Amino acid sequence: MAKLSLFLPQNCLNKIMFKFIANSTNLNGKARVSMKVFRAKTGKWEGLGLWWNIKQFFREAGIQLLNIITFKSDKKWGYATVLTQAGEEFIVDKLDETVQTTGDYIGWGTGAGTAAKEDTILFTEAAETRVTGTRTQPVADKIRWVGTLTCNATPKTITNAGNLTATTAGTLIVHGDFTGVALAAGDKIEFTIDIEIT
């Protein structure tokens, strides 16, 4: 069972939480991507606003409805945040020490799509260099990365993010998509990516 929780800070203090339970094959853990936005024009961190929250809610509700309707078919509709197949294989390789890399690099993209287990790259990865996230272990069965990406001189709308094992290419471990967030030059998004083994 995969659990998606999207936390959207309002004035960096209050949090609005939407939870969706989705049935995902062979996913024995939980993956989550959450974010907050810094606006260069005002110099302040802010929430994404009521309209963004409403659009995100109905987008996710629609995905869940499609999953219920097609429950007995082989077609699976995507979920907003997934631990990818390549990510699962990376975790196994870490356990048997065949890889020495970490999933510390956070990137974002501007392309359309719904994150899926078979994803290996971000949807149209943006030009900004991936950042090295700060890795912590808040509880015994959870690992967390936090990293902030800054929009370069070209305004863009960010639609997805994830953590990877290298500054370029590498293995996509967790991939999350969301309703687009429009950014101007100098705006930032701080992403928090969690994997919890349950």
C-alpha atoms as a PDB file:
ATOM      1  CA  MET A   1       0.000   0.000   0.000  1.00  0.00           C
ATOM      2  CA  ALA A   2       1.425   3.368  -0.995  1.00  0.00           C
ATOM      3  CA  LYS A   3       0.327   6.468   0.861  1.00  0.00           C
ATOM      4  CA  LEU A   4       0.602   9.901  -0.708  1.00  0.00           C
ATOM      5  CA  SER A   5       0.654  12.895   1.571  1.00  0.00           C
ATOM      6  CA  LEU A   6       1.172  16.316   0.030  1.00  0.00           C
ATOM      7  CA  PHE A   7       2.011  19.011   2.551  1.00  0.00           C
ATOM      8  CA  LEU A   8       1.682  22.597   1.372  1.00  0.00           C
ATOM      9  CA  PRO A   9       2.960  25.198   3.830  1.00  0.00           C
ATOM     10  CA  GLN A  10       0.824  28.291   4.378  1.00  0.00           C
ATOM     11  CA  ASN A  11       2.983  31.166   5.666  1.00  0.00           C
ATOM     12  CA  CYS A  12       5.533  28.483   6.665  1.00  0.00           C
ATOM     13  CA  LEU A  13       3.508  27.688   9.790  1.00  0.00           C
ATOM     14  CA  ASN A  14       0.154  26.105   9.026  1.00  0.00           C
ATOM     15  CA  LYS A  15      -0.056  23.009   6.851  1.00  0.00           C
ATOM     16  CA  ILE A  16      -2.912  21.765   4.742  1.00  0.00           C
ATOM     17  CA  MET A  17      -2.720  18.024   4.233  1.00  0.00           C
ATOM     18  CA  PHE A  18      -4.389  15.905   1.575  1.00  0.00           C
ATOM     19  CA  LYS A  19      -4.049  12.137   1.863  1.00  0.00           C
ATOM     20  CA  PHE A  20      -4.829   9.629  -0.818  1.00  0.00           C
ATOM     21  CA  ILE A  21      -4.502   5.880  -0.407  1.00  0.00           C
ATOM     22  CA  ALA A  22      -3.566   4.110  -3.613  1.00  0.00           C
ATOM     23  CA  ASN A  23      -3.069   0.435  -4.339  1.00  0.00           C
ATOM     24  CA  SER A  24       0.289  -0.014  -6.055  1.00  0.00           C
ATOM     25  CA  THR A  25       1.745  -3.349  -7.024  1.00  0.00           C
ATOM     26  CA  ASN A  26       4.879  -4.520  -5.211  1.00  0.00           C
ATOM     27  CA  LEU A  27       5.392  -1.317  -3.233  1.00  0.00           C
ATOM     28  CA  ASN A  28       6.141  -2.217   0.378  1.00  0.00           C
ATOM     29  CA  GLY A  29       6.983   1.276   1.511  1.00  0.00           C
ATOM     30  CA  LYS A  30       5.756   4.837   1.297  1.00  0.00           C
ATOM     31  CA  ALA A  31       7.237   7.631  -0.775  1.00  0.00           C
ATOM     32  CA  ARG A  32       6.316  11.293  -0.447  1.00  0.00           C
ATOM     33  CA  VAL A  33       7.374  14.554  -2.059  1.00  0.00           C
ATOM     34  CA  SER A  34       6.358  17.803  -0.348  1.00  0.00           C
ATOM     35  CA  MET A  35       7.343  21.403  -1.087  1.00  0.00           C
ATOM     36  CA  LYS A  36       7.196  25.082  -0.248  1.00  0.00           C
ATOM     37  CA  VAL A  37       7.869  28.071  -2.551  1.00  0.00           C
ATOM     38  CA  PHE A  38      10.108  31.135  -2.117  1.00  0.00           C
ATOM     39  CA  ARG A  39       9.163  34.175  -4.223  1.00  0.00           C
ATOM     40  CA  ALA A  40      12.142  36.338  -5.191  1.00  0.00           C
ATOM     41  CA  LYS A  41       9.903  39.360  -5.835  1.00  0.00           C
ATOM     42  CA  THR A  42       8.632  39.489  -2.232  1.00  0.00           C
ATOM     43  CA  GLY A  43      11.598  37.796  -0.566  1.00  0.00           C
ATOM     44  CA  LYS A  44       9.217  35.489   1.327  1.00  0.00           C
ATOM     45  CA  TRP A  45       8.333  31.808   1.536  1.00  0.00           C
ATOM     46  CA  GLU A  46       4.665  31.241   0.756  1.00  0.00           C
ATOM     47  CA  GLY A  47       1.995  28.608   0.345  1.00  0.00           C
ATOM     48  CA  LEU A  48       0.767  27.661  -3.093  1.00  0.00           C
ATOM     49  CA  GLY A  49      -2.673  29.156  -2.528  1.00  0.00           C
ATOM     50  CA  LEU A  50      -6.216  27.906  -2.351  1.00  0.00           C
ATOM     51  CA  TRP A  51      -6.707  27.601  -6.128  1.00  0.00           C
ATOM     52  CA  TRP A  52      -3.581  25.404  -6.487  1.00  0.00           C
ATOM     53  CA  ASN A  53      -4.783  23.213  -3.591  1.00  0.00           C
ATOM     54  CA  ILE A  54      -8.223  22.802  -5.195  1.00  0.00           C
ATOM     55  CA  LYS A  55      -6.734  21.873  -8.592  1.00  0.00           C
ATOM     56  CA  GLN A  56      -4.353  19.379  -6.948  1.00  0.00           C
ATOM     57  CA  PHE A  57      -7.182  17.817  -4.929  1.00  0.00           C
ATOM     58  CA  PHE A  58      -9.416  17.259  -7.979  1.00  0.00           C
ATOM     59  CA  ARG A  59      -6.495  16.018 -10.073  1.00  0.00           C
ATOM     60  CA  GLU A  60      -5.661  13.368  -7.477  1.00  0.00           C
ATOM     61  CA  ALA A  61      -9.320  12.497  -6.878  1.00  0.00           C
ATOM     62  CA  GLY A  62      -9.692  11.908 -10.634  1.00  0.00           C
ATOM     63  CA  ILE A  63      -6.691   9.572 -10.653  1.00  0.00           C
ATOM     64  CA  GLN A  64      -8.138   7.603  -7.741  1.00  0.00           C
ATOM     65  CA  LEU A  65     -11.523   7.357  -9.501  1.00  0.00           C
ATOM     66  CA  LEU A  66      -9.831   5.956 -12.619  1.00  0.00           C
ATOM     67  CA  ASN A  67      -8.071   3.369 -10.449  1.00  0.00           C
ATOM     68  CA  ILE A  68     -11.385   2.293  -8.899  1.00  0.00           C
ATOM     69  CA  ILE A  69     -13.115   2.080 -12.306  1.00  0.00           C
ATOM     70  CA  THR A  70     -10.283   0.024 -13.846  1.00  0.00           C
ATOM     71  CA  PHE A  71      -9.598  -2.090 -10.730  1.00  0.00           C
ATOM     72  CA  LYS A  72      -9.834  -5.450 -12.538  1.00  0.00           C
ATOM     73  CA  SER A  73      -7.980  -4.401 -15.675  1.00  0.00           C
ATOM     74  CA  ASP A  74      -4.244  -4.512 -16.315  1.00  0.00           C
ATOM     75  CA  LYS A  75      -4.216  -0.751 -16.889  1.00  0.00           C
ATOM     76  CA  LYS A  76      -2.918   1.138 -13.861  1.00  0.00           C
ATOM     77  CA  TRP A  77      -3.235   4.893 -13.603  1.00  0.00           C
ATOM     78  CA  GLY A  78      -0.302   6.733 -12.145  1.00  0.00           C
ATOM     79  CA  TYR A  79       0.007   8.057  -8.617  1.00  0.00           C
ATOM     80  CA  ALA A  80       1.407  11.415  -7.641  1.00  0.00           C
ATOM     81  CA  THR A  81       4.476   9.973  -5.888  1.00  0.00           C
ATOM     82  CA  VAL A  82       6.177   6.619  -6.464  1.00  0.00           C
ATOM     83  CA  LEU A  83       9.205   4.663  -5.385  1.00  0.00           C
ATOM     84  CA  THR A  84      10.355   3.651  -8.873  1.00  0.00           C
ATOM     85  CA  GLN A  85      11.319   0.130  -9.918  1.00  0.00           C
ATOM     86  CA  ALA A  86      14.869   1.398 -10.491  1.00  0.00           C
ATOM     87  CA  GLY A  87      14.702   2.898  -6.986  1.00  0.00           C
ATOM     88  CA  GLU A  88      13.728  -0.452  -5.478  1.00  0.00           C
ATOM     89  CA  GLU A  89      16.591  -2.136  -7.335  1.00  0.00           C
ATOM     90  CA  PHE A  90      18.967   0.577  -6.087  1.00  0.00           C
ATOM     91  CA  ILE A  91      17.893  -0.107  -2.478  1.00  0.00           C
ATOM     92  CA  VAL A  92      18.579  -3.834  -2.935  1.00  0.00           C
ATOM     93  CA  ASP A  93      21.982  -3.028  -4.481  1.00  0.00           C
ATOM     94  CA  LYS A  94      22.775  -0.790  -1.470  1.00  0.00           C
ATOM     95  CA  LEU A  95      21.928  -3.666   0.883  1.00  0.00           C
ATOM     96  CA  ASP A  96      24.249  -6.087  -0.889  1.00  0.00           C
ATOM     97  CA  GLU A  97      26.878  -3.343  -1.330  1.00  0.00           C
ATOM     98  CA  THR A  98      27.094  -3.511  -5.123  1.00  0.00           C
ATOM     99  CA  VAL A  99      26.649   0.293  -5.392  1.00  0.00           C
ATOM    100  CA  GLN A 100      28.394   3.028  -3.452  1.00  0.00           C
ATOM    101  CA  THR A 101      26.260   5.977  -4.566  1.00  0.00           C
ATOM    102  CA  THR A 102      23.518   7.718  -2.582  1.00  0.00           C
ATOM    103  CA  GLY A 103      20.202   9.246  -3.654  1.00  0.00           C
ATOM    104  CA  ASP A 104      21.190  12.709  -2.486  1.00  0.00           C
ATOM    105  CA  TYR A 105      20.618  14.690  -5.710  1.00  0.00           C
ATOM    106  CA  ILE A 106      17.286  16.479  -6.182  1.00  0.00           C
ATOM    107  CA  GLY A 107      16.072  17.640  -9.593  1.00  0.00           C
ATOM    108  CA  TRP A 108      12.888  19.076 -11.068  1.00  0.00           C
ATOM    109  CA  GLY A 109      11.127  19.050 -14.413  1.00  0.00           C
ATOM    110  CA  THR A 110       8.628  20.961 -16.529  1.00  0.00           C
ATOM    111  CA  GLY A 111       7.055  18.167 -18.592  1.00  0.00           C
ATOM    112  CA  ALA A 112       3.566  16.715 -18.377  1.00  0.00           C
ATOM    113  CA  GLY A 113       2.882  13.221 -17.085  1.00  0.00           C
ATOM    114  CA  THR A 114       1.889  11.156 -14.094  1.00  0.00           C
ATOM    115  CA  ALA A 115       4.697   9.579 -12.086  1.00  0.00           C
ATOM    116  CA  ALA A 116       4.795   5.806 -12.589  1.00  0.00           C
ATOM    117  CA  LYS A 117       6.767   2.934 -11.130  1.00  0.00           C
ATOM    118  CA  GLU A 118       8.617   2.341 -14.419  1.00  0.00           C
ATOM    119  CA  ASP A 119       9.914   5.954 -14.684  1.00  0.00           C
ATOM    120  CA  THR A 120      13.680   6.295 -15.077  1.00  0.00           C
ATOM    121  CA  ILE A 121      13.937  10.048 -15.739  1.00  0.00           C
ATOM    122  CA  LEU A 122      12.113  13.226 -14.728  1.00  0.00           C
ATOM    123  CA  PHE A 123       9.566  14.638 -17.185  1.00  0.00           C
ATOM    124  CA  THR A 124      11.556  17.222 -19.214  1.00  0.00           C
ATOM    125  CA  GLU A 125      14.207  17.927 -16.584  1.00  0.00           C
ATOM    126  CA  ALA A 126      14.807  21.682 -16.260  1.00  0.00           C
ATOM    127  CA  ALA A 127      18.180  23.302 -16.978  1.00  0.00           C
ATOM    128  CA  GLU A 128      19.025  24.088 -13.343  1.00  0.00           C
ATOM    129  CA  THR A 129      21.739  21.900 -11.835  1.00  0.00           C
ATOM    130  CA  ARG A 130      20.498  19.273  -9.406  1.00  0.00           C
ATOM    131  CA  VAL A 131      21.151  20.160  -5.784  1.00  0.00           C
ATOM    132  CA  THR A 132      22.628  17.928  -3.124  1.00  0.00           C
ATOM    133  CA  GLY A 133      19.878  17.362  -0.590  1.00  0.00           C
ATOM    134  CA  THR A 134      20.471  17.123   3.133  1.00  0.00           C
ATOM    135  CA  ARG A 135      19.894  13.473   4.113  1.00  0.00           C
ATOM    136  CA  THR A 136      18.484  12.608   7.551  1.00  0.00           C
ATOM    137  CA  GLN A 137      16.787   9.672   9.240  1.00  0.00           C
ATOM    138  CA  PRO A 138      13.925  11.175  11.288  1.00  0.00           C
ATOM    139  CA  VAL A 139      12.806   7.735  12.547  1.00  0.00           C
ATOM    140  CA  ALA A 140      14.270   4.233  12.338  1.00  0.00           C
ATOM    141  CA  ASP A 141      12.341   3.215   9.187  1.00  0.00           C
ATOM    142  CA  LYS A 142      12.393   6.520   7.242  1.00  0.00           C
ATOM    143  CA  ILE A 143      14.997   8.370   5.195  1.00  0.00           C
ATOM    144  CA  ARG A 144      14.496  12.027   4.189  1.00  0.00           C
ATOM    145  CA  TRP A 145      16.173  14.381   1.722  1.00  0.00           C
ATOM    146  CA  VAL A 146      15.586  18.157   1.764  1.00  0.00           C
ATOM    147  CA  GLY A 147      16.878  20.394  -1.010  1.00  0.00           C
ATOM    148  CA  THR A 148      16.089  23.798  -2.539  1.00  0.00           C
ATOM    149  CA  LEU A 149      16.236  24.490  -6.270  1.00  0.00           C
ATOM    150  CA  THR A 150      16.285  28.064  -7.633  1.00  0.00           C
ATOM    151  CA  CYS A 151      14.750  29.110 -10.952  1.00  0.00           C
ATOM    152  CA  ASN A 152      17.386  30.584 -13.278  1.00  0.00           C
ATOM    153  CA  ALA A 153      16.730  33.608 -15.494  1.00  0.00           C
ATOM    154  CA  THR A 154      14.053  31.776 -17.519  1.00  0.00           C
ATOM    155  CA  PRO A 155      10.550  31.644 -15.970  1.00  0.00           C
ATOM    156  CA  LYS A 156       9.059  28.135 -15.953  1.00  0.00           C
ATOM    157  CA  THR A 157       6.323  25.945 -14.508  1.00  0.00           C
ATOM    158  CA  ILE A 158       7.572  23.035 -12.403  1.00  0.00           C
ATOM    159  CA  THR A 159       5.431  19.887 -12.622  1.00  0.00           C
ATOM    160  CA  ASN A 160       7.554  17.087 -11.147  1.00  0.00           C
ATOM    161  CA  ALA A 161      10.586  16.357  -8.992  1.00  0.00           C
ATOM    162  CA  GLY A 162      12.595  13.470  -7.678  1.00  0.00           C
ATOM    163  CA  ASN A 163      15.809  12.310  -6.117  1.00  0.00           C
ATOM    164  CA  LEU A 164      18.563  10.673  -8.103  1.00  0.00           C
ATOM    165  CA  THR A 165      21.966   9.076  -7.565  1.00  0.00           C
ATOM    166  CA  ALA A 166      24.096  11.548  -9.576  1.00  0.00           C
ATOM    167  CA  THR A 167      24.293  15.202 -10.618  1.00  0.00           C
ATOM    168  CA  THR A 168      23.585  14.127 -14.213  1.00  0.00           C
ATOM    169  CA  ALA A 169      21.888  10.919 -15.389  1.00  0.00           C
ATOM    170  CA  GLY A 170      21.912   8.462 -12.451  1.00  0.00           C
ATOM    171  CA  THR A 171      19.067   6.368 -11.033  1.00  0.00           C
ATOM    172  CA  LEU A 172      15.684   8.000 -10.330  1.00  0.00           C
ATOM    173  CA  ILE A 173      14.632   6.705  -6.897  1.00  0.00           C
ATOM    174  CA  VAL A 174      11.480   8.639  -5.925  1.00  0.00           C
ATOM    175  CA  HIS A 175       9.451  10.491  -8.564  1.00  0.00           C
ATOM    176  CA  GLY A 176       6.579  12.840  -7.748  1.00  0.00           C
ATOM    177  CA  ASP A 177       4.363  14.910 -10.020  1.00  0.00           C
ATOM    178  CA  PHE A 178       1.953  17.675  -9.060  1.00  0.00           C
ATOM    179  CA  THR A 179      -0.140  20.531 -10.396  1.00  0.00           C
ATOM    180  CA  GLY A 180       2.285  22.987 -12.017  1.00  0.00           C
ATOM    181  CA  VAL A 181       3.915  25.706  -9.920  1.00  0.00           C
ATOM    182  CA  ALA A 182       4.771  28.839 -11.967  1.00  0.00           C
ATOM    183  CA  LEU A 183       8.139  30.363 -11.068  1.00  0.00           C
ATOM    184  CA  ALA A 184       9.828  33.615 -12.019  1.00  0.00           C
ATOM    185  CA  ALA A 185      13.594  34.098 -12.085  1.00  0.00           C
ATOM    186  CA  GLY A 186      14.995  33.750  -8.552  1.00  0.00           C
ATOM    187  CA  ASP A 187      11.969  31.875  -7.157  1.00  0.00           C
ATOM    188  CA  LYS A 188      12.762  28.687  -5.266  1.00  0.00           C
ATOM    189  CA  ILE A 189      11.070  25.447  -4.268  1.00  0.00           C
ATOM    190  CA  GLU A 190      12.221  23.495  -1.246  1.00  0.00           C
ATOM    191  CA  PHE A 191      11.463  19.799  -1.726  1.00  0.00           C
ATOM    192  CA  THR A 192      11.258  17.209   1.034  1.00  0.00           C
ATOM    193  CA  ILE A 193      11.444  13.613  -0.205  1.00  0.00           C
ATOM    194  CA  ASP A 194      10.716  10.726   2.173  1.00  0.00           C
ATOM    195  CA  ILE A 195      10.941   6.967   1.844  1.00  0.00           C
ATOM    196  CA  GLU A 196       9.405   4.982   4.672  1.00  0.00           C
ATOM    197  CA  ILE A 197       9.690   1.196   4.884  1.00  0.00           C
ATOM    198  CA  THR A 198       6.512  -0.316   6.309  1.00  0.00           C
END
